[in-house]
Amino acid sequence: MNQSNSNPSFSEADLAFRFTPGCLCLNLVATIGERGDRKIERLRNREDLAKWCQKAGILDELPRVETKELSSTKELREAIYRVTQAIISSDRPQLEDLETINFRAKFPPPVPQLLTENRTKVYRADRPIEAALSAIARDAIDLLSSSRINRIKACANPQCQMLFLDTSRPGNRRWCLMTGKGCGNRAKKAAFRQRQKNA
């Protein structure tokens, strides 16, 4: 897996976090982009992880991140990815991956607190990254043990392969995203150009 911290072929758009998969644990899995091709690492350093936790809504303040915590996050991310892939492929997940998820879920998650001055809810934890990983692992357990597992799909773009939760009513979503630079929108535009060319 390409874990390079400075690859000039990765643009700012490539490295932007994705929060479109539909649940917290799959948002973490999406911190590797284009798994079928370039394997874009979006958690390149401790600062990236701190920003991701805040943008994901797990923590309100940028946490201090230790190098070991960055490694633990990537370990959990890949365990969730492999277990999800195994389940949707009707394979047996590896025990080691299940143990990683279960171990992380044992710790206390961030605790909601109400600020008196403006009644704002914030999330606090004495060990913020440990708590964030617990919240992610618990979300993965909830997802993978529920009927929603049947709604998890991989983007039809073979270069992308982003996992997402299909919440559409008919359950026939094929692409990670249909808007902007999403694979679905690109495929739609390519098909339109091909029809024009054939005409």
C-alpha atoms as a PDB file:
ATOM      1  CA  MET A   1       0.000   0.000   0.000  1.00  0.00           C
ATOM      2  CA  ASN A   2       1.269   3.417  -0.929  1.00  0.00           C
ATOM      3  CA  GLN A   3       1.661   5.304   2.335  1.00  0.00           C
ATOM      4  CA  SER A   4       3.865   8.070   0.897  1.00  0.00           C
ATOM      5  CA  ASN A   5       3.709  11.370   2.733  1.00  0.00           C
ATOM      6  CA  SER A   6       4.634  13.486  -0.299  1.00  0.00           C
ATOM      7  CA  ASN A   7       3.606  12.143  -3.672  1.00  0.00           C
ATOM      8  CA  PRO A   8       3.547  14.914  -6.287  1.00  0.00           C
ATOM      9  CA  SER A   9       0.932  13.037  -8.316  1.00  0.00           C
ATOM     10  CA  PHE A  10      -1.656  13.602  -5.553  1.00  0.00           C
ATOM     11  CA  SER A  11      -3.498  16.898  -5.893  1.00  0.00           C
ATOM     12  CA  GLU A  12      -5.202  18.831  -3.110  1.00  0.00           C
ATOM     13  CA  ALA A  13      -8.520  17.432  -4.367  1.00  0.00           C
ATOM     14  CA  ASP A  14      -7.127  13.874  -4.193  1.00  0.00           C
ATOM     15  CA  LEU A  15      -6.112  14.394  -0.576  1.00  0.00           C
ATOM     16  CA  ALA A  16      -9.385  16.004   0.548  1.00  0.00           C
ATOM     17  CA  PHE A  17     -11.330  13.966   3.103  1.00  0.00           C
ATOM     18  CA  ARG A  18     -14.453  12.151   1.911  1.00  0.00           C
ATOM     19  CA  PHE A  19     -17.518  12.057   4.176  1.00  0.00           C
ATOM     20  CA  THR A  20     -19.972  10.654   1.610  1.00  0.00           C
ATOM     21  CA  PRO A  21     -19.930   6.893   2.414  1.00  0.00           C
ATOM     22  CA  GLY A  22     -22.870   7.244   4.813  1.00  0.00           C
ATOM     23  CA  CYS A  23     -21.503   6.242   8.233  1.00  0.00           C
ATOM     24  CA  LEU A  24     -18.571   7.007  10.496  1.00  0.00           C
ATOM     25  CA  CYS A  25     -16.621   3.772  10.069  1.00  0.00           C
ATOM     26  CA  LEU A  26     -16.820   3.872   6.258  1.00  0.00           C
ATOM     27  CA  ASN A  27     -15.762   7.528   6.360  1.00  0.00           C
ATOM     28  CA  LEU A  28     -12.567   6.327   8.006  1.00  0.00           C
ATOM     29  CA  VAL A  29     -12.136   3.600   5.361  1.00  0.00           C
ATOM     30  CA  ALA A  30     -12.416   6.372   2.740  1.00  0.00           C
ATOM     31  CA  THR A  31      -9.214   7.970   4.035  1.00  0.00           C
ATOM     32  CA  ILE A  32      -7.576   5.668   1.493  1.00  0.00           C
ATOM     33  CA  GLY A  33      -8.676   6.840  -1.939  1.00  0.00           C
ATOM     34  CA  GLU A  34      -8.718   4.911  -5.200  1.00  0.00           C
ATOM     35  CA  ARG A  35      -8.019   1.543  -3.608  1.00  0.00           C
ATOM     36  CA  GLY A  36      -8.154  -0.088  -7.026  1.00  0.00           C
ATOM     37  CA  ASP A  37      -5.507   2.184  -8.482  1.00  0.00           C
ATOM     38  CA  ARG A  38      -3.316   4.818  -6.814  1.00  0.00           C
ATOM     39  CA  LYS A  39      -4.159   4.097  -3.158  1.00  0.00           C
ATOM     40  CA  ILE A  40      -4.191   7.719  -2.038  1.00  0.00           C
ATOM     41  CA  GLU A  41      -3.285   7.983   1.638  1.00  0.00           C
ATOM     42  CA  ARG A  42      -5.206  10.887   3.158  1.00  0.00           C
ATOM     43  CA  LEU A  43      -3.966  10.359   6.728  1.00  0.00           C
ATOM     44  CA  ARG A  44      -0.366  11.186   5.872  1.00  0.00           C
ATOM     45  CA  ASN A  45       0.610  12.511   9.279  1.00  0.00           C
ATOM     46  CA  ARG A  46      -0.639  13.209  12.794  1.00  0.00           C
ATOM     47  CA  GLU A  47      -2.044  16.605  11.815  1.00  0.00           C
ATOM     48  CA  ASP A  48      -4.197  14.996   9.119  1.00  0.00           C
ATOM     49  CA  LEU A  49      -5.676  12.616  11.687  1.00  0.00           C
ATOM     50  CA  ALA A  50      -6.419  15.462  14.106  1.00  0.00           C
ATOM     51  CA  LYS A  51      -8.199  17.403  11.350  1.00  0.00           C
ATOM     52  CA  TRP A  52     -10.129  14.323  10.207  1.00  0.00           C
ATOM     53  CA  CYS A  53     -11.435  13.635  13.731  1.00  0.00           C
ATOM     54  CA  GLN A  54     -12.683  17.195  14.019  1.00  0.00           C
ATOM     55  CA  LYS A  55     -14.228  17.304  10.525  1.00  0.00           C
ATOM     56  CA  ALA A  56     -15.846  13.906  11.075  1.00  0.00           C
ATOM     57  CA  GLY A  57     -17.641  15.389  14.096  1.00  0.00           C
ATOM     58  CA  ILE A  58     -16.152  12.959  16.609  1.00  0.00           C
ATOM     59  CA  LEU A  59     -14.183  15.608  18.494  1.00  0.00           C
ATOM     60  CA  ASP A  60     -14.832  19.340  18.770  1.00  0.00           C
ATOM     61  CA  GLU A  61     -11.260  20.442  19.282  1.00  0.00           C
ATOM     62  CA  LEU A  62      -8.154  19.444  17.357  1.00  0.00           C
ATOM     63  CA  PRO A  63      -6.595  16.688  19.463  1.00  0.00           C
ATOM     64  CA  ARG A  64      -2.924  16.091  20.011  1.00  0.00           C
ATOM     65  CA  VAL A  65      -2.003  12.922  18.131  1.00  0.00           C
ATOM     66  CA  GLU A  66       0.898  10.612  18.908  1.00  0.00           C
ATOM     67  CA  THR A  67       2.666   8.659  16.164  1.00  0.00           C
ATOM     68  CA  LYS A  68       1.479   5.387  17.691  1.00  0.00           C
ATOM     69  CA  GLU A  69      -2.128   6.636  17.561  1.00  0.00           C
ATOM     70  CA  LEU A  70      -1.816   7.353  13.846  1.00  0.00           C
ATOM     71  CA  SER A  71      -0.614   3.775  13.330  1.00  0.00           C
ATOM     72  CA  SER A  72      -3.485   2.427  15.467  1.00  0.00           C
ATOM     73  CA  THR A  73      -5.991   4.419  13.399  1.00  0.00           C
ATOM     74  CA  LYS A  74      -4.676   2.963  10.143  1.00  0.00           C
ATOM     75  CA  GLU A  75      -4.704  -0.515  11.670  1.00  0.00           C
ATOM     76  CA  LEU A  76      -8.367  -0.102  12.653  1.00  0.00           C
ATOM     77  CA  ARG A  77      -9.216   1.380   9.244  1.00  0.00           C
ATOM     78  CA  GLU A  78      -7.787  -1.607   7.373  1.00  0.00           C
ATOM     79  CA  ALA A  79      -9.390  -4.100   9.767  1.00  0.00           C
ATOM     80  CA  ILE A  80     -12.806  -2.516   9.126  1.00  0.00           C
ATOM     81  CA  TYR A  81     -12.156  -2.544   5.378  1.00  0.00           C
ATOM     82  CA  ARG A  82     -11.138  -6.212   5.292  1.00  0.00           C
ATOM     83  CA  VAL A  83     -13.985  -7.382   7.538  1.00  0.00           C
ATOM     84  CA  THR A  84     -16.533  -5.429   5.488  1.00  0.00           C
ATOM     85  CA  GLN A  85     -15.150  -6.801   2.226  1.00  0.00           C
ATOM     86  CA  ALA A  86     -15.222 -10.335   3.612  1.00  0.00           C
ATOM     87  CA  ILE A  87     -18.822 -10.068   4.815  1.00  0.00           C
ATOM     88  CA  ILE A  88     -20.198  -8.549   1.599  1.00  0.00           C
ATOM     89  CA  SER A  89     -18.305 -11.229  -0.355  1.00  0.00           C
ATOM     90  CA  SER A  90     -19.798 -13.963   1.880  1.00  0.00           C
ATOM     91  CA  ASP A  91     -16.335 -14.872   3.164  1.00  0.00           C
ATOM     92  CA  ARG A  92     -15.240 -15.424   6.750  1.00  0.00           C
ATOM     93  CA  PRO A  93     -13.510 -12.369   8.293  1.00  0.00           C
ATOM     94  CA  GLN A  94     -10.047 -12.889   9.725  1.00  0.00           C
ATOM     95  CA  LEU A  95     -10.075 -13.332  13.503  1.00  0.00           C
ATOM     96  CA  GLU A  96      -7.219 -10.833  13.885  1.00  0.00           C
ATOM     97  CA  ASP A  97      -9.280  -8.109  12.185  1.00  0.00           C
ATOM     98  CA  LEU A  98     -12.308  -8.825  14.372  1.00  0.00           C
ATOM     99  CA  GLU A  99     -10.101  -8.664  17.448  1.00  0.00           C
ATOM    100  CA  THR A 100      -8.733  -5.276  16.356  1.00  0.00           C
ATOM    101  CA  ILE A 101     -12.242  -3.843  16.028  1.00  0.00           C
ATOM    102  CA  ASN A 102     -13.449  -5.386  19.290  1.00  0.00           C
ATOM    103  CA  PHE A 103     -10.364  -4.201  21.182  1.00  0.00           C
ATOM    104  CA  ARG A 104     -10.832  -0.601  20.063  1.00  0.00           C
ATOM    105  CA  ALA A 105     -14.537  -0.676  20.982  1.00  0.00           C
ATOM    106  CA  LYS A 106     -13.700  -1.456  24.632  1.00  0.00           C
ATOM    107  CA  PHE A 107     -12.538   2.066  25.439  1.00  0.00           C
ATOM    108  CA  PRO A 108     -14.889   4.894  26.452  1.00  0.00           C
ATOM    109  CA  PRO A 109     -16.072   6.945  23.447  1.00  0.00           C
ATOM    110  CA  PRO A 110     -16.202  10.751  23.513  1.00  0.00           C
ATOM    111  CA  VAL A 111     -18.721  11.986  26.072  1.00  0.00           C
ATOM    112  CA  PRO A 112     -21.333  14.605  25.106  1.00  0.00           C
ATOM    113  CA  GLN A 113     -21.276  17.717  27.265  1.00  0.00           C
ATOM    114  CA  LEU A 114     -23.700  20.640  27.287  1.00  0.00           C
ATOM    115  CA  LEU A 115     -22.171  24.120  27.372  1.00  0.00           C
ATOM    116  CA  THR A 116     -24.204  26.363  29.662  1.00  0.00           C
ATOM    117  CA  GLU A 117     -23.619  29.653  27.846  1.00  0.00           C
ATOM    118  CA  ASN A 118     -25.314  28.686  24.560  1.00  0.00           C
ATOM    119  CA  ARG A 119     -26.645  25.159  25.133  1.00  0.00           C
ATOM    120  CA  THR A 120     -24.221  23.748  22.583  1.00  0.00           C
ATOM    121  CA  LYS A 121     -23.407  20.046  22.676  1.00  0.00           C
ATOM    122  CA  VAL A 122     -19.704  19.258  22.501  1.00  0.00           C
ATOM    123  CA  TYR A 123     -17.754  16.004  22.736  1.00  0.00           C
ATOM    124  CA  ARG A 124     -14.936  15.617  25.235  1.00  0.00           C
ATOM    125  CA  ALA A 125     -12.520  12.840  26.182  1.00  0.00           C
ATOM    126  CA  ASP A 126      -9.464  12.594  28.414  1.00  0.00           C
ATOM    127  CA  ARG A 127      -7.788  10.464  25.722  1.00  0.00           C
ATOM    128  CA  PRO A 128      -9.319  11.897  22.553  1.00  0.00           C
ATOM    129  CA  ILE A 129      -7.844   9.619  19.855  1.00  0.00           C
ATOM    130  CA  GLU A 130      -8.492   6.499  21.920  1.00  0.00           C
ATOM    131  CA  ALA A 131     -12.070   7.697  22.373  1.00  0.00           C
ATOM    132  CA  ALA A 132     -12.425   8.518  18.677  1.00  0.00           C
ATOM    133  CA  LEU A 133     -11.253   5.038  17.684  1.00  0.00           C
ATOM    134  CA  SER A 134     -13.744   3.567  20.131  1.00  0.00           C
ATOM    135  CA  ALA A 135     -16.584   5.516  18.514  1.00  0.00           C
ATOM    136  CA  ILE A 136     -15.479   4.326  15.068  1.00  0.00           C
ATOM    137  CA  ALA A 137     -15.127   0.693  16.163  1.00  0.00           C
ATOM    138  CA  ARG A 138     -18.553   0.742  17.835  1.00  0.00           C
ATOM    139  CA  ASP A 139     -20.056   2.196  14.671  1.00  0.00           C
ATOM    140  CA  ALA A 140     -18.443  -0.616  12.665  1.00  0.00           C
ATOM    141  CA  ILE A 141     -19.848  -3.236  15.031  1.00  0.00           C
ATOM    142  CA  ASP A 142     -23.328  -1.700  14.781  1.00  0.00           C
ATOM    143  CA  LEU A 143     -23.121  -1.629  10.987  1.00  0.00           C
ATOM    144  CA  LEU A 144     -21.636  -5.075  10.426  1.00  0.00           C
ATOM    145  CA  SER A 145     -24.042  -6.793  12.821  1.00  0.00           C
ATOM    146  CA  SER A 146     -27.161  -5.232  11.294  1.00  0.00           C
ATOM    147  CA  SER A 147     -29.214  -5.739   8.151  1.00  0.00           C
ATOM    148  CA  ARG A 148     -27.588  -2.583   6.762  1.00  0.00           C
ATOM    149  CA  ILE A 149     -24.640  -4.770   5.779  1.00  0.00           C
ATOM    150  CA  ASN A 150     -26.707  -5.709   2.716  1.00  0.00           C
ATOM    151  CA  ARG A 151     -26.672  -2.046   1.688  1.00  0.00           C
ATOM    152  CA  ILE A 152     -22.882  -1.688   1.675  1.00  0.00           C
ATOM    153  CA  LYS A 153     -21.471  -1.478  -1.833  1.00  0.00           C
ATOM    154  CA  ALA A 154     -18.211  -0.684  -3.564  1.00  0.00           C
ATOM    155  CA  CYS A 155     -18.129   2.068  -6.174  1.00  0.00           C
ATOM    156  CA  ALA A 156     -18.508   0.612  -9.673  1.00  0.00           C
ATOM    157  CA  ASN A 157     -15.443   2.532 -10.832  1.00  0.00           C
ATOM    158  CA  PRO A 158     -12.679  -0.124 -10.649  1.00  0.00           C
ATOM    159  CA  GLN A 159     -10.076   2.543  -9.842  1.00  0.00           C
ATOM    160  CA  CYS A 160     -12.147   3.968  -6.960  1.00  0.00           C
ATOM    161  CA  GLN A 161     -13.825   1.056  -5.156  1.00  0.00           C
ATOM    162  CA  MET A 162     -14.924   3.317  -2.279  1.00  0.00           C
ATOM    163  CA  LEU A 163     -17.229   1.483   0.114  1.00  0.00           C
ATOM    164  CA  PHE A 164     -20.500   3.267   0.824  1.00  0.00           C
ATOM    165  CA  LEU A 165     -23.845   2.677   2.472  1.00  0.00           C
ATOM    166  CA  ASP A 166     -26.585   2.714  -0.165  1.00  0.00           C
ATOM    167  CA  THR A 167     -29.471   4.571   1.455  1.00  0.00           C
ATOM    168  CA  SER A 168     -31.425   5.018  -1.783  1.00  0.00           C
ATOM    169  CA  ARG A 169     -34.951   3.633  -1.653  1.00  0.00           C
ATOM    170  CA  PRO A 170     -34.506   1.138  -4.524  1.00  0.00           C
ATOM    171  CA  GLY A 171     -31.024   0.157  -3.323  1.00  0.00           C
ATOM    172  CA  ASN A 172     -29.493   0.340  -6.789  1.00  0.00           C
ATOM    173  CA  ARG A 173     -26.819   2.988  -6.278  1.00  0.00           C
ATOM    174  CA  ARG A 174     -23.621   2.080  -8.162  1.00  0.00           C
ATOM    175  CA  TRP A 175     -21.310   5.007  -7.637  1.00  0.00           C
ATOM    176  CA  CYS A 176     -19.580   6.659  -4.674  1.00  0.00           C
ATOM    177  CA  LEU A 177     -21.075  10.020  -5.636  1.00  0.00           C
ATOM    178  CA  MET A 178     -23.236  11.305  -8.489  1.00  0.00           C
ATOM    179  CA  THR A 179     -22.364  15.007  -8.146  1.00  0.00           C
ATOM    180  CA  GLY A 180     -19.283  17.166  -8.709  1.00  0.00           C
ATOM    181  CA  LYS A 181     -16.195  15.073  -9.392  1.00  0.00           C
ATOM    182  CA  GLY A 182     -17.823  11.876  -8.145  1.00  0.00           C
ATOM    183  CA  CYS A 183     -17.415   8.718 -10.193  1.00  0.00           C
ATOM    184  CA  GLY A 184     -21.101   8.609 -11.095  1.00  0.00           C
ATOM    185  CA  ASN A 185     -21.094  12.114 -12.521  1.00  0.00           C
ATOM    186  CA  ARG A 186     -17.925  11.402 -14.499  1.00  0.00           C
ATOM    187  CA  ALA A 187     -19.419   8.190 -15.868  1.00  0.00           C
ATOM    188  CA  LYS A 188     -22.614  10.030 -16.819  1.00  0.00           C
ATOM    189  CA  LYS A 189     -20.648  12.715 -18.681  1.00  0.00           C
ATOM    190  CA  ALA A 190     -18.496  10.105 -20.444  1.00  0.00           C
ATOM    191  CA  ALA A 191     -21.593   8.211 -21.570  1.00  0.00           C
ATOM    192  CA  PHE A 192     -23.126  11.464 -22.866  1.00  0.00           C
ATOM    193  CA  ARG A 193     -19.985  12.294 -24.845  1.00  0.00           C
ATOM    194  CA  GLN A 194     -19.934   8.773 -26.288  1.00  0.00           C
ATOM    195  CA  ARG A 195     -23.580   9.076 -27.384  1.00  0.00           C
ATOM    196  CA  GLN A 196     -22.807  12.399 -29.058  1.00  0.00           C
ATOM    197  CA  LYS A 197     -19.800  10.881 -30.802  1.00  0.00           C
ATOM    198  CA  ASN A 198     -21.835   7.894 -32.036  1.00  0.00           C
ATOM    199  CA  ALA A 199     -24.584  10.196 -33.270  1.00  0.00           C
END
